[in-house]
Amino acid sequence: MNSESLSLSWGRIRSLAIDTFSSEAKADAWLNKPHTILGNTPIATAESSYGYAEVERMLHAIGFGGTV
């Protein structure tokens, strides 16, 4: 991803995380904490198109009460 699309993706993922966790602090904590399924932090994983889709899927699952 180029820097412009990466910046847009970061904004969308962060917004989805805030909606999911109902808190900026909780969203930022989740995005920046290494996750065993991803093998990295969600925000670092979201830097690729595939990783972005995986992080987005995880946030939707969490938002709907699913497990990841």
N, C-alpha and C. Protein backbone atom coordinates (compact mmCIF):
# COMPACT_ATOMS: atom_id res chain seq x y z
N MET A 1 0.85 -1.18 0.00
CA MET A 1 0.00 0.00 0.00
C MET A 1 0.89 1.24 0.00
N ASN A 2 0.45 2.28 -0.71
CA ASN A 2 1.22 3.51 -0.66
C ASN A 2 0.84 4.29 0.60
N SER A 3 1.56 5.34 0.90
CA SER A 3 1.36 6.05 2.17
C SER A 3 -0.04 6.67 2.27
N GLU A 4 -0.59 7.13 1.15
CA GLU A 4 -1.93 7.72 1.19
C GLU A 4 -2.99 6.67 1.49
N SER A 5 -2.94 5.53 0.82
CA SER A 5 -3.93 4.49 1.07
C SER A 5 -3.73 3.87 2.45
N LEU A 6 -2.48 3.81 2.90
CA LEU A 6 -2.21 3.30 4.24
C LEU A 6 -2.83 4.21 5.29
N SER A 7 -2.73 5.50 5.09
CA SER A 7 -3.31 6.47 6.01
C SER A 7 -4.84 6.35 6.04
N LEU A 8 -5.46 6.18 4.87
CA LEU A 8 -6.91 6.00 4.80
C LEU A 8 -7.33 4.69 5.47
N SER A 9 -6.55 3.65 5.23
CA SER A 9 -6.85 2.35 5.84
C SER A 9 -6.74 2.43 7.35
N TRP A 10 -5.69 3.10 7.84
CA TRP A 10 -5.51 3.27 9.29
C TRP A 10 -6.74 3.96 9.87
N GLY A 11 -7.22 5.01 9.22
CA GLY A 11 -8.39 5.73 9.71
C GLY A 11 -9.63 4.86 9.74
N ARG A 12 -9.83 4.07 8.71
CA ARG A 12 -11.02 3.20 8.66
C ARG A 12 -10.94 2.09 9.70
N ILE A 13 -9.76 1.48 9.84
CA ILE A 13 -9.61 0.41 10.82
C ILE A 13 -9.77 0.97 12.23
N ARG A 14 -9.18 2.13 12.49
CA ARG A 14 -9.30 2.72 13.83
C ARG A 14 -10.76 3.08 14.13
N SER A 15 -11.45 3.63 13.14
CA SER A 15 -12.87 3.97 13.32
C SER A 15 -13.70 2.73 13.61
N LEU A 16 -13.45 1.66 12.87
CA LEU A 16 -14.16 0.40 13.11
C LEU A 16 -13.84 -0.15 14.50
N ALA A 17 -12.58 -0.04 14.92
CA ALA A 17 -12.18 -0.52 16.24
C ALA A 17 -12.86 0.30 17.34
N ILE A 18 -12.95 1.62 17.15
CA ILE A 18 -13.63 2.47 18.14
C ILE A 18 -15.09 2.10 18.22
N ASP A 19 -15.74 1.87 17.08
CA ASP A 19 -17.14 1.44 17.07
C ASP A 19 -17.29 0.09 17.77
N THR A 20 -16.34 -0.81 17.53
CA THR A 20 -16.41 -2.15 18.11
C THR A 20 -16.24 -2.13 19.62
N PHE A 21 -15.27 -1.36 20.09
CA PHE A 21 -14.95 -1.37 21.51
C PHE A 21 -15.58 -0.21 22.29
N SER A 22 -16.26 0.68 21.60
CA SER A 22 -16.95 1.83 22.21
C SER A 22 -16.02 2.71 23.03
N SER A 23 -14.75 2.76 22.65
CA SER A 23 -13.78 3.56 23.38
C SER A 23 -12.53 3.71 22.54
N GLU A 24 -12.04 4.95 22.43
CA GLU A 24 -10.80 5.18 21.70
C GLU A 24 -9.63 4.48 22.38
N ALA A 25 -9.59 4.56 23.71
CA ALA A 25 -8.47 3.95 24.45
C ALA A 25 -8.45 2.44 24.27
N LYS A 26 -9.62 1.80 24.35
CA LYS A 26 -9.68 0.34 24.18
C LYS A 26 -9.35 -0.05 22.74
N ALA A 27 -9.83 0.73 21.80
CA ALA A 27 -9.54 0.45 20.39
C ALA A 27 -8.04 0.55 20.12
N ASP A 28 -7.42 1.64 20.59
CA ASP A 28 -5.99 1.81 20.38
C ASP A 28 -5.18 0.72 21.07
N ALA A 29 -5.61 0.32 22.26
CA ALA A 29 -4.92 -0.76 22.97
C ALA A 29 -4.99 -2.05 22.16
N TRP A 30 -6.18 -2.38 21.64
CA TRP A 30 -6.34 -3.62 20.86
C TRP A 30 -5.52 -3.55 19.57
N LEU A 31 -5.54 -2.42 18.90
CA LEU A 31 -4.83 -2.27 17.63
C LEU A 31 -3.31 -2.38 17.79
N ASN A 32 -2.81 -2.02 18.95
CA ASN A 32 -1.36 -1.97 19.17
C ASN A 32 -0.81 -3.11 20.01
N LYS A 33 -1.66 -4.05 20.40
CA LYS A 33 -1.21 -5.20 21.18
C LYS A 33 -1.02 -6.40 20.26
N PRO A 34 0.12 -7.08 20.33
CA PRO A 34 0.32 -8.26 19.49
C PRO A 34 -0.80 -9.29 19.68
N HIS A 35 -1.24 -9.86 18.58
CA HIS A 35 -2.33 -10.84 18.62
C HIS A 35 -1.79 -12.17 18.10
N THR A 36 -2.03 -13.24 18.84
CA THR A 36 -1.47 -14.54 18.47
C THR A 36 -1.97 -15.04 17.12
N ILE A 37 -3.21 -14.81 16.78
CA ILE A 37 -3.74 -15.27 15.50
C ILE A 37 -3.03 -14.56 14.35
N LEU A 38 -2.77 -13.28 14.52
CA LEU A 38 -2.15 -12.48 13.46
C LEU A 38 -0.63 -12.61 13.44
N GLY A 39 -0.05 -12.93 14.58
CA GLY A 39 1.41 -12.99 14.66
C GLY A 39 2.05 -11.61 14.69
N ASN A 40 1.26 -10.60 14.95
CA ASN A 40 1.72 -9.22 14.97
C ASN A 40 0.62 -8.37 15.59
N THR A 41 0.84 -7.07 15.65
CA THR A 41 -0.23 -6.19 16.11
C THR A 41 -1.25 -6.05 14.97
N PRO A 42 -2.51 -5.84 15.30
CA PRO A 42 -3.50 -5.64 14.24
C PRO A 42 -3.15 -4.46 13.32
N ILE A 43 -2.64 -3.39 13.88
CA ILE A 43 -2.34 -2.23 13.04
C ILE A 43 -1.20 -2.52 12.07
N ALA A 44 -0.20 -3.27 12.49
CA ALA A 44 0.89 -3.65 11.59
C ALA A 44 0.39 -4.64 10.54
N THR A 45 -0.47 -5.55 10.94
CA THR A 45 -1.03 -6.53 10.02
C THR A 45 -1.86 -5.84 8.94
N ALA A 46 -2.58 -4.79 9.31
CA ALA A 46 -3.47 -4.09 8.39
C ALA A 46 -2.73 -3.29 7.32
N GLU A 47 -1.41 -3.30 7.33
CA GLU A 47 -0.65 -2.56 6.32
C GLU A 47 -0.69 -3.23 4.94
N SER A 48 -1.05 -4.50 4.89
CA SER A 48 -1.22 -5.16 3.60
C SER A 48 -2.71 -5.33 3.32
N SER A 49 -3.05 -5.51 2.07
CA SER A 49 -4.47 -5.68 1.71
C SER A 49 -5.07 -6.91 2.38
N TYR A 50 -4.33 -8.02 2.36
CA TYR A 50 -4.82 -9.24 3.00
C TYR A 50 -4.94 -9.04 4.50
N GLY A 51 -3.94 -8.44 5.11
CA GLY A 51 -3.96 -8.21 6.55
C GLY A 51 -5.08 -7.28 6.96
N TYR A 52 -5.32 -6.25 6.14
CA TYR A 52 -6.41 -5.33 6.41
C TYR A 52 -7.74 -6.08 6.47
N ALA A 53 -7.95 -6.95 5.50
CA ALA A 53 -9.19 -7.73 5.45
C ALA A 53 -9.31 -8.64 6.68
N GLU A 54 -8.21 -9.23 7.12
CA GLU A 54 -8.24 -10.09 8.31
C GLU A 54 -8.58 -9.30 9.57
N VAL A 55 -7.97 -8.13 9.73
CA VAL A 55 -8.25 -7.30 10.91
C VAL A 55 -9.69 -6.82 10.87
N GLU A 56 -10.16 -6.43 9.71
CA GLU A 56 -11.55 -6.00 9.56
C GLU A 56 -12.51 -7.15 9.92
N ARG A 57 -12.20 -8.36 9.44
CA ARG A 57 -13.02 -9.53 9.75
C ARG A 57 -13.05 -9.78 11.26
N MET A 58 -11.90 -9.66 11.89
CA MET A 58 -11.82 -9.88 13.34
C MET A 58 -12.66 -8.85 14.10
N LEU A 59 -12.58 -7.61 13.69
CA LEU A 59 -13.35 -6.57 14.37
C LEU A 59 -14.85 -6.79 14.19
N HIS A 60 -15.27 -7.19 12.99
CA HIS A 60 -16.68 -7.49 12.78
C HIS A 60 -17.12 -8.66 13.65
N ALA A 61 -16.31 -9.69 13.73
CA ALA A 61 -16.64 -10.86 14.57
C ALA A 61 -16.76 -10.45 16.03
N ILE A 62 -15.82 -9.66 16.52
CA ILE A 62 -15.87 -9.21 17.91
C ILE A 62 -17.13 -8.36 18.12
N GLY A 63 -17.43 -7.49 17.17
CA GLY A 63 -18.60 -6.63 17.28
C GLY A 63 -19.92 -7.37 17.33
N PHE A 64 -19.95 -8.55 16.70
CA PHE A 64 -21.16 -9.35 16.69
C PHE A 64 -21.14 -10.46 17.73
N GLY A 65 -20.16 -10.35 18.64
CA GLY A 65 -20.11 -11.33 19.73
C GLY A 65 -19.44 -12.63 19.38
N GLY A 66 -18.80 -12.70 18.23
CA GLY A 66 -18.11 -13.91 17.83
C GLY A 66 -16.75 -14.02 18.46
N THR A 67 -16.13 -15.14 18.24
CA THR A 67 -14.78 -15.34 18.74
C THR A 67 -13.81 -15.30 17.57
N VAL A 68 -12.60 -14.96 17.88
CA VAL A 68 -11.56 -14.91 16.84
C VAL A 68 -10.35 -15.68 17.29
